[in-house]
Amino acid sequence: MSGVEKTSNPITKDAAARIQSNEAKNGKDTCFDSRAQAAADKNANEAAK
């Protein structure tokens, strides 16, 4: 495995927002929220092409 695999269910902007909100409410700082937002932005840009 290469470590990074394409997923058949790309993350959406709405999903990223839910992740960010949940981590903020729970006081967690896993940095996953920023990675989720970046992935959602990338997926939105690719879909717009």
Protein backbone atom coordinates (compact mmCIF):
# COMPACT_ATOMS: atom_id res chain seq x y z
CA MET A 1 0.00 0.00 0.00
CA SER A 2 1.13 3.50 -0.77
CA GLY A 3 -0.37 5.00 2.38
CA VAL A 4 -2.75 7.33 0.56
CA GLU A 5 -5.56 5.77 -1.37
CA LYS A 6 -8.39 7.31 -3.34
CA THR A 7 -11.74 6.96 -1.66
CA SER A 8 -14.97 6.27 -3.45
CA ASN A 9 -16.74 8.70 -1.10
CA PRO A 10 -14.85 11.99 -1.20
CA ILE A 11 -15.38 14.34 1.72
CA THR A 12 -17.73 17.23 1.10
CA LYS A 13 -17.62 20.80 2.40
CA ASP A 14 -20.62 20.00 4.63
CA ALA A 15 -18.88 16.99 6.13
CA ALA A 16 -15.73 19.00 6.77
CA ALA A 17 -17.79 21.69 8.52
CA ARG A 18 -19.40 19.05 10.75
CA ILE A 19 -15.98 17.65 11.65
CA GLN A 20 -14.65 21.12 12.50
CA SER A 21 -17.70 21.92 14.61
CA ASN A 22 -17.52 18.64 16.51
CA GLU A 23 -13.83 19.01 17.29
CA ALA A 24 -14.33 22.60 18.44
CA LYS A 25 -17.20 21.59 20.74
CA ASN A 26 -15.19 18.77 22.27
CA GLY A 27 -12.01 20.80 22.67
CA LYS A 28 -10.01 18.34 20.60
CA ASP A 29 -6.97 19.43 18.63
CA THR A 30 -6.22 16.49 16.36
CA CYS A 31 -5.56 18.63 13.26
CA PHE A 32 -7.93 16.30 11.42
CA ASP A 33 -10.41 19.16 11.01
CA SER A 34 -7.94 21.18 8.94
CA ARG A 35 -7.03 18.13 6.84
CA ALA A 36 -10.73 17.44 6.26
CA GLN A 37 -11.28 21.03 5.12
CA ALA A 38 -8.32 20.84 2.75
CA ALA A 39 -9.60 17.57 1.28
CA ALA A 40 -13.08 19.03 0.83
CA ASP A 41 -11.64 22.08 -0.93
CA LYS A 42 -9.56 19.86 -3.21
CA ASN A 43 -12.57 17.67 -4.03
CA ALA A 44 -14.74 20.71 -4.76
CA ASN A 45 -12.07 22.13 -7.08
CA GLU A 46 -11.71 18.83 -8.94
CA ALA A 47 -15.48 18.52 -9.33
CA ALA A 48 -15.64 22.03 -10.79
CA LYS A 49 -13.25 21.12 -13.63
